[in-house]
């Protein structure tokens, strides 16, 4: 069985040690590296090509002085297949949206339990997006307000076909590719083709970024 290869990026060694110990209890996970600065995280992401990265949002950047969000943007721009989960003590809305725009596939508060962290890593490594319950509740409230303007969503993304808009709306509702295939009675290959076309046309690199674009337009 292929294991999910994980890079831990956090400047606090005791916290990294706790994560490493926790992840070692999951047979399908393998910690392949650790970084204490964003500069090291970017370099290790390039050399190790992990399946997922746990990224501290406030981690120091070494000589380059960049934070975890900018490191995420740089890693996602070069290696969009790597699933990045942001780890933070904060659930500030601006930070959440900035992380999603940068290409993060998850946003988990430090102190989250093992089941929540495992689900977030598994989702990120397979191209899905998952947020801690506290963060998800805030996002739902924010996007519910946006979706109260149906006129805006009706004219959103004219570059998409009718079917692509339908698939995008289902993505914005949090449905997986498998859910979409069953709901629309189409094959998984067709769903993947639609998702790829949507990403290309909206110029996004991840499912999380597509969700942000869709919900900002009132879809969902």
C-alpha atoms as a PDB file:
ATOM      1  CA  UNK A   1       0.000   0.000   0.000  1.00  0.00           C
ATOM      2  CA  UNK A   2       1.370   3.425  -0.983  1.00  0.00           C
ATOM      3  CA  UNK A   3       1.601   5.729   2.003  1.00  0.00           C
ATOM      4  CA  UNK A   4       0.777   9.437   2.018  1.00  0.00           C
ATOM      5  CA  UNK A   5       4.093  11.303   2.271  1.00  0.00           C
ATOM      6  CA  UNK A   6       3.924  14.339   4.546  1.00  0.00           C
ATOM      7  CA  UNK A   7       6.157  17.362   5.155  1.00  0.00           C
ATOM      8  CA  UNK A   8       5.729  19.197   8.479  1.00  0.00           C
ATOM      9  CA  UNK A   9       6.539  22.934   8.368  1.00  0.00           C
ATOM     10  CA  UNK A  10       6.449  24.668  11.753  1.00  0.00           C
ATOM     11  CA  UNK A  11       9.020  26.681  13.663  1.00  0.00           C
ATOM     12  CA  UNK A  12       8.218  25.172  17.081  1.00  0.00           C
ATOM     13  CA  UNK A  13      10.142  21.925  17.505  1.00  0.00           C
ATOM     14  CA  UNK A  14       7.922  20.593  20.359  1.00  0.00           C
ATOM     15  CA  UNK A  15       4.846  21.081  18.187  1.00  0.00           C
ATOM     16  CA  UNK A  16       6.527  19.354  15.241  1.00  0.00           C
ATOM     17  CA  UNK A  17       7.465  16.511  17.554  1.00  0.00           C
ATOM     18  CA  UNK A  18       3.877  16.159  18.715  1.00  0.00           C
ATOM     19  CA  UNK A  19       2.628  16.095  15.136  1.00  0.00           C
ATOM     20  CA  UNK A  20       5.285  13.577  14.152  1.00  0.00           C
ATOM     21  CA  UNK A  21       4.300  11.287  17.021  1.00  0.00           C
ATOM     22  CA  UNK A  22       0.602  11.594  16.200  1.00  0.00           C
ATOM     23  CA  UNK A  23       1.084  10.921  12.493  1.00  0.00           C
ATOM     24  CA  UNK A  24       3.285   7.901  13.247  1.00  0.00           C
ATOM     25  CA  UNK A  25       0.181   6.190  14.646  1.00  0.00           C
ATOM     26  CA  UNK A  26      -1.485   6.302  11.206  1.00  0.00           C
ATOM     27  CA  UNK A  27      -0.194   3.345   9.144  1.00  0.00           C
ATOM     28  CA  UNK A  28      -0.940   4.989   5.803  1.00  0.00           C
ATOM     29  CA  UNK A  29       1.069   8.139   6.642  1.00  0.00           C
ATOM     30  CA  UNK A  30       4.829   8.726   6.409  1.00  0.00           C
ATOM     31  CA  UNK A  31       6.550  11.915   7.580  1.00  0.00           C
ATOM     32  CA  UNK A  32       9.326  12.474   5.039  1.00  0.00           C
ATOM     33  CA  UNK A  33      10.677  15.816   6.241  1.00  0.00           C
ATOM     34  CA  UNK A  34      10.440  18.761   8.626  1.00  0.00           C
ATOM     35  CA  UNK A  35      11.081  22.466   8.131  1.00  0.00           C
ATOM     36  CA  UNK A  36      11.422  25.260  10.692  1.00  0.00           C
ATOM     37  CA  UNK A  37      11.286  28.163   8.197  1.00  0.00           C
ATOM     38  CA  UNK A  38       9.228  28.868   5.084  1.00  0.00           C
ATOM     39  CA  UNK A  39      12.462  29.026   3.082  1.00  0.00           C
ATOM     40  CA  UNK A  40      13.266  25.451   4.124  1.00  0.00           C
ATOM     41  CA  UNK A  41       9.668  24.373   3.476  1.00  0.00           C
ATOM     42  CA  UNK A  42       9.820  25.622  -0.125  1.00  0.00           C
ATOM     43  CA  UNK A  43      13.150  23.899  -0.726  1.00  0.00           C
ATOM     44  CA  UNK A  44      12.012  20.597   0.821  1.00  0.00           C
ATOM     45  CA  UNK A  45       8.713  20.681  -1.052  1.00  0.00           C
ATOM     46  CA  UNK A  46      10.673  20.891  -4.296  1.00  0.00           C
ATOM     47  CA  UNK A  47      13.181  18.180  -3.421  1.00  0.00           C
ATOM     48  CA  UNK A  48      10.901  15.728  -1.606  1.00  0.00           C
ATOM     49  CA  UNK A  49       7.664  16.271  -3.571  1.00  0.00           C
ATOM     50  CA  UNK A  50       5.436  15.146  -0.669  1.00  0.00           C
ATOM     51  CA  UNK A  51       1.749  14.380  -1.100  1.00  0.00           C
ATOM     52  CA  UNK A  52       0.781  16.832   1.650  1.00  0.00           C
ATOM     53  CA  UNK A  53       2.305  19.635   3.712  1.00  0.00           C
ATOM     54  CA  UNK A  54       1.210  20.815   7.155  1.00  0.00           C
ATOM     55  CA  UNK A  55       2.123  24.509   7.009  1.00  0.00           C
ATOM     56  CA  UNK A  56       2.244  26.913   9.951  1.00  0.00           C
ATOM     57  CA  UNK A  57       0.665  30.144   8.756  1.00  0.00           C
ATOM     58  CA  UNK A  58       2.877  32.366  10.946  1.00  0.00           C
ATOM     59  CA  UNK A  59       6.173  30.532  10.444  1.00  0.00           C
ATOM     60  CA  UNK A  60       9.275  32.755   9.964  1.00  0.00           C
ATOM     61  CA  UNK A  61      10.743  32.864   6.497  1.00  0.00           C
ATOM     62  CA  UNK A  62      14.461  32.732   7.105  1.00  0.00           C
ATOM     63  CA  UNK A  63      16.482  35.111   4.938  1.00  0.00           C
ATOM     64  CA  UNK A  64      13.557  35.696   2.566  1.00  0.00           C
ATOM     65  CA  UNK A  65      11.163  36.800   5.337  1.00  0.00           C
ATOM     66  CA  UNK A  66       7.953  35.319   3.881  1.00  0.00           C
ATOM     67  CA  UNK A  67       5.102  33.775   5.857  1.00  0.00           C
ATOM     68  CA  UNK A  68       3.293  30.479   5.420  1.00  0.00           C
ATOM     69  CA  UNK A  69       0.713  31.907   3.020  1.00  0.00           C
ATOM     70  CA  UNK A  70       3.349  33.201   0.602  1.00  0.00           C
ATOM     71  CA  UNK A  71       5.246  29.916   0.892  1.00  0.00           C
ATOM     72  CA  UNK A  72       2.003  28.111   0.033  1.00  0.00           C
ATOM     73  CA  UNK A  73       1.523  30.325  -3.022  1.00  0.00           C
ATOM     74  CA  UNK A  74       5.031  29.580  -4.259  1.00  0.00           C
ATOM     75  CA  UNK A  75       4.782  25.826  -3.656  1.00  0.00           C
ATOM     76  CA  UNK A  76       1.311  25.554  -5.220  1.00  0.00           C
ATOM     77  CA  UNK A  77       2.467  27.552  -8.232  1.00  0.00           C
ATOM     78  CA  UNK A  78       5.265  25.089  -8.980  1.00  0.00           C
ATOM     79  CA  UNK A  79       3.767  21.849  -7.622  1.00  0.00           C
ATOM     80  CA  UNK A  80      -0.050  22.180  -7.603  1.00  0.00           C
ATOM     81  CA  UNK A  81      -0.418  18.444  -6.920  1.00  0.00           C
ATOM     82  CA  UNK A  82       0.916  18.908  -3.365  1.00  0.00           C
ATOM     83  CA  UNK A  83      -1.951  19.307  -0.894  1.00  0.00           C
ATOM     84  CA  UNK A  84      -1.191  22.046   1.640  1.00  0.00           C
ATOM     85  CA  UNK A  85      -3.053  22.268   4.947  1.00  0.00           C
ATOM     86  CA  UNK A  86      -2.590  25.466   6.930  1.00  0.00           C
ATOM     87  CA  UNK A  87      -2.099  25.104  10.704  1.00  0.00           C
ATOM     88  CA  UNK A  88      -2.771  28.113  12.893  1.00  0.00           C
ATOM     89  CA  UNK A  89      -3.974  29.371  16.266  1.00  0.00           C
ATOM     90  CA  UNK A  90      -6.160  31.922  14.466  1.00  0.00           C
ATOM     91  CA  UNK A  91      -9.436  31.714  12.559  1.00  0.00           C
ATOM     92  CA  UNK A  92      -9.388  35.226  11.110  1.00  0.00           C
ATOM     93  CA  UNK A  93     -11.510  35.447   7.956  1.00  0.00           C
ATOM     94  CA  UNK A  94      -8.866  37.386   6.016  1.00  0.00           C
ATOM     95  CA  UNK A  95      -6.247  34.728   6.762  1.00  0.00           C
ATOM     96  CA  UNK A  96      -8.608  31.938   5.689  1.00  0.00           C
ATOM     97  CA  UNK A  97      -9.371  33.589   2.348  1.00  0.00           C
ATOM     98  CA  UNK A  98      -5.737  34.507   1.773  1.00  0.00           C
ATOM     99  CA  UNK A  99      -4.722  30.883   2.392  1.00  0.00           C
ATOM    100  CA  UNK A 100      -7.376  29.596  -0.013  1.00  0.00           C
ATOM    101  CA  UNK A 101      -6.364  32.071  -2.701  1.00  0.00           C
ATOM    102  CA  UNK A 102      -2.765  30.980  -2.244  1.00  0.00           C
ATOM    103  CA  UNK A 103      -3.756  27.375  -3.013  1.00  0.00           C
ATOM    104  CA  UNK A 104      -4.234  25.788   0.424  1.00  0.00           C
ATOM    105  CA  UNK A 105      -6.612  22.828   0.514  1.00  0.00           C
ATOM    106  CA  UNK A 106      -7.314  22.991   4.221  1.00  0.00           C
ATOM    107  CA  UNK A 107      -7.242  25.300   7.222  1.00  0.00           C
ATOM    108  CA  UNK A 108      -7.022  23.580  10.598  1.00  0.00           C
ATOM    109  CA  UNK A 109      -6.719  25.178  14.009  1.00  0.00           C
ATOM    110  CA  UNK A 110      -3.810  24.016  16.139  1.00  0.00           C
ATOM    111  CA  UNK A 111      -5.103  21.767  18.860  1.00  0.00           C
ATOM    112  CA  UNK A 112      -7.382  19.879  16.477  1.00  0.00           C
ATOM    113  CA  UNK A 113      -7.819  16.224  17.364  1.00  0.00           C
ATOM    114  CA  UNK A 114      -6.260  13.320  15.521  1.00  0.00           C
ATOM    115  CA  UNK A 115      -9.397  12.381  13.507  1.00  0.00           C
ATOM    116  CA  UNK A 116      -9.824  15.938  12.195  1.00  0.00           C
ATOM    117  CA  UNK A 117      -6.168  16.254  11.256  1.00  0.00           C
ATOM    118  CA  UNK A 118      -6.111  12.860   9.535  1.00  0.00           C
ATOM    119  CA  UNK A 119      -9.211  13.727   7.489  1.00  0.00           C
ATOM    120  CA  UNK A 120      -7.697  17.062   6.454  1.00  0.00           C
ATOM    121  CA  UNK A 121      -4.463  15.431   5.270  1.00  0.00           C
ATOM    122  CA  UNK A 122      -6.298  12.689   3.398  1.00  0.00           C
ATOM    123  CA  UNK A 123      -8.559  15.243   1.709  1.00  0.00           C
ATOM    124  CA  UNK A 124      -5.670  17.522   0.713  1.00  0.00           C
ATOM    125  CA  UNK A 125      -3.586  14.644  -0.657  1.00  0.00           C
ATOM    126  CA  UNK A 126      -6.458  13.544  -2.916  1.00  0.00           C
ATOM    127  CA  UNK A 127      -7.306  17.024  -4.211  1.00  0.00           C
ATOM    128  CA  UNK A 128     -10.231  17.746  -1.904  1.00  0.00           C
ATOM    129  CA  UNK A 129     -10.586  20.628   0.569  1.00  0.00           C
ATOM    130  CA  UNK A 130     -11.420  20.387   4.272  1.00  0.00           C
ATOM    131  CA  UNK A 131     -11.642  23.010   6.994  1.00  0.00           C
ATOM    132  CA  UNK A 132     -11.959  22.723  10.750  1.00  0.00           C
ATOM    133  CA  UNK A 133     -15.580  23.004  11.989  1.00  0.00           C
ATOM    134  CA  UNK A 134     -15.009  26.449  13.514  1.00  0.00           C
ATOM    135  CA  UNK A 135     -13.558  27.793  10.268  1.00  0.00           C
ATOM    136  CA  UNK A 136     -16.177  26.079   8.088  1.00  0.00           C
ATOM    137  CA  UNK A 137     -18.989  27.657  10.109  1.00  0.00           C
ATOM    138  CA  UNK A 138     -17.560  31.128   9.522  1.00  0.00           C
ATOM    139  CA  UNK A 139     -17.129  30.453   5.804  1.00  0.00           C
ATOM    140  CA  UNK A 140     -20.675  29.153   5.429  1.00  0.00           C
ATOM    141  CA  UNK A 141     -22.057  32.276   7.077  1.00  0.00           C
ATOM    142  CA  UNK A 142     -19.972  34.542   4.869  1.00  0.00           C
ATOM    143  CA  UNK A 143     -20.910  32.815   1.629  1.00  0.00           C
ATOM    144  CA  UNK A 144     -24.572  32.534   2.639  1.00  0.00           C
ATOM    145  CA  UNK A 145     -24.697  36.314   2.655  1.00  0.00           C
ATOM    146  CA  UNK A 146     -23.098  36.448  -0.791  1.00  0.00           C
ATOM    147  CA  UNK A 147     -25.512  33.866  -2.229  1.00  0.00           C
ATOM    148  CA  UNK A 148     -28.506  36.051  -1.256  1.00  0.00           C
ATOM    149  CA  UNK A 149     -27.889  37.882  -4.556  1.00  0.00           C
ATOM    150  CA  UNK A 150     -29.027  35.365  -7.210  1.00  0.00           C
ATOM    151  CA  UNK A 151     -28.711  37.907 -10.017  1.00  0.00           C
ATOM    152  CA  UNK A 152     -24.953  37.988  -9.551  1.00  0.00           C
ATOM    153  CA  UNK A 153     -24.534  34.222  -9.783  1.00  0.00           C
ATOM    154  CA  UNK A 154     -26.814  33.962 -12.824  1.00  0.00           C
ATOM    155  CA  UNK A 155     -24.304  35.917 -14.905  1.00  0.00           C
ATOM    156  CA  UNK A 156     -21.118  34.581 -13.342  1.00  0.00           C
ATOM    157  CA  UNK A 157     -18.420  32.917 -15.442  1.00  0.00           C
ATOM    158  CA  UNK A 158     -19.862  33.253 -18.966  1.00  0.00           C
ATOM    159  CA  UNK A 159     -16.781  31.404 -20.259  1.00  0.00           C
ATOM    160  CA  UNK A 160     -18.100  28.154 -18.757  1.00  0.00           C
ATOM    161  CA  UNK A 161     -20.540  25.849 -20.508  1.00  0.00           C
ATOM    162  CA  UNK A 162     -23.885  25.149 -18.858  1.00  0.00           C
ATOM    163  CA  UNK A 163     -22.653  21.734 -17.686  1.00  0.00           C
ATOM    164  CA  UNK A 164     -19.398  23.195 -16.346  1.00  0.00           C
ATOM    165  CA  UNK A 165     -21.383  25.782 -14.361  1.00  0.00           C
ATOM    166  CA  UNK A 166     -23.492  22.971 -12.963  1.00  0.00           C
ATOM    167  CA  UNK A 167     -20.385  21.035 -11.915  1.00  0.00           C
ATOM    168  CA  UNK A 168     -18.832  24.180 -10.420  1.00  0.00           C
ATOM    169  CA  UNK A 169     -21.947  24.814  -8.348  1.00  0.00           C
ATOM    170  CA  UNK A 170     -21.796  21.268  -6.976  1.00  0.00           C
ATOM    171  CA  UNK A 171     -18.094  21.735  -6.153  1.00  0.00           C
ATOM    172  CA  UNK A 172     -19.000  24.947  -4.307  1.00  0.00           C
ATOM    173  CA  UNK A 173     -21.524  22.927  -2.283  1.00  0.00           C
ATOM    174  CA  UNK A 174     -18.690  20.688  -1.135  1.00  0.00           C
ATOM    175  CA  UNK A 175     -19.473  17.639  -3.275  1.00  0.00           C
ATOM    176  CA  UNK A 176     -16.672  15.276  -4.295  1.00  0.00           C
ATOM    177  CA  UNK A 177     -16.098  14.078  -7.855  1.00  0.00           C
ATOM    178  CA  UNK A 178     -17.759  10.786  -6.940  1.00  0.00           C
ATOM    179  CA  UNK A 179     -20.824  12.618  -5.568  1.00  0.00           C
ATOM    180  CA  UNK A 180     -21.048  14.719  -8.733  1.00  0.00           C
ATOM    181  CA  UNK A 181     -20.751  11.676 -11.005  1.00  0.00           C
ATOM    182  CA  UNK A 182     -23.580   9.904  -9.193  1.00  0.00           C
ATOM    183  CA  UNK A 183     -25.779  12.989  -8.981  1.00  0.00           C
ATOM    184  CA  UNK A 184     -25.450  13.867 -12.679  1.00  0.00           C
ATOM    185  CA  UNK A 185     -25.343  10.233 -13.865  1.00  0.00           C
ATOM    186  CA  UNK A 186     -22.054  10.735 -15.696  1.00  0.00           C
ATOM    187  CA  UNK A 187     -18.727   8.915 -15.535  1.00  0.00           C
ATOM    188  CA  UNK A 188     -15.855   9.866 -13.227  1.00  0.00           C
ATOM    189  CA  UNK A 189     -13.724  10.536 -16.316  1.00  0.00           C
ATOM    190  CA  UNK A 190     -16.285  13.035 -17.576  1.00  0.00           C
ATOM    191  CA  UNK A 191     -16.385  14.744 -14.189  1.00  0.00           C
ATOM    192  CA  UNK A 192     -12.590  14.994 -14.112  1.00  0.00           C
ATOM    193  CA  UNK A 193     -12.615  16.494 -17.615  1.00  0.00           C
ATOM    194  CA  UNK A 194     -15.184  19.097 -16.556  1.00  0.00           C
ATOM    195  CA  UNK A 195     -13.206  19.946 -13.405  1.00  0.00           C
ATOM    196  CA  UNK A 196     -10.000  20.314 -15.433  1.00  0.00           C
ATOM    197  CA  UNK A 197     -11.761  22.631 -17.913  1.00  0.00           C
ATOM    198  CA  UNK A 198     -13.180  24.699 -15.055  1.00  0.00           C
ATOM    199  CA  UNK A 199      -9.751  25.085 -13.467  1.00  0.00           C
ATOM    200  CA  UNK A 200      -8.242  26.149 -16.803  1.00  0.00           C
ATOM    201  CA  UNK A 201     -10.977  28.664 -17.608  1.00  0.00           C
ATOM    202  CA  UNK A 202     -11.075  30.195 -14.124  1.00  0.00           C
ATOM    203  CA  UNK A 203      -7.269  30.109 -13.900  1.00  0.00           C
ATOM    204  CA  UNK A 204      -7.281  28.382 -10.521  1.00  0.00           C
ATOM    205  CA  UNK A 205      -4.876  25.688  -9.346  1.00  0.00           C
ATOM    206  CA  UNK A 206      -6.979  23.867  -6.784  1.00  0.00           C
ATOM    207  CA  UNK A 207     -10.483  22.885  -5.739  1.00  0.00           C
ATOM    208  CA  UNK A 208     -10.296  25.287  -2.799  1.00  0.00           C
ATOM    209  CA  UNK A 209      -9.561  28.212  -5.103  1.00  0.00           C
ATOM    210  CA  UNK A 210     -12.465  27.204  -7.368  1.00  0.00           C
ATOM    211  CA  UNK A 211     -14.768  27.150  -4.333  1.00  0.00           C
ATOM    212  CA  UNK A 212     -13.671  30.661  -3.361  1.00  0.00           C
ATOM    213  CA  UNK A 213     -14.308  31.992  -6.886  1.00  0.00           C
ATOM    214  CA  UNK A 214     -17.691  30.264  -7.131  1.00  0.00           C
ATOM    215  CA  UNK A 215     -18.978  31.362  -3.746  1.00  0.00           C
ATOM    216  CA  UNK A 216     -17.773  34.912  -4.195  1.00  0.00           C
ATOM    217  CA  UNK A 217     -19.990  34.912  -7.287  1.00  0.00           C
ATOM    218  CA  UNK A 218     -22.952  33.711  -5.244  1.00  0.00           C
ATOM    219  CA  UNK A 219     -22.839  30.060  -6.267  1.00  0.00           C
ATOM    220  CA  UNK A 220     -23.168  27.308  -3.720  1.00  0.00           C
END
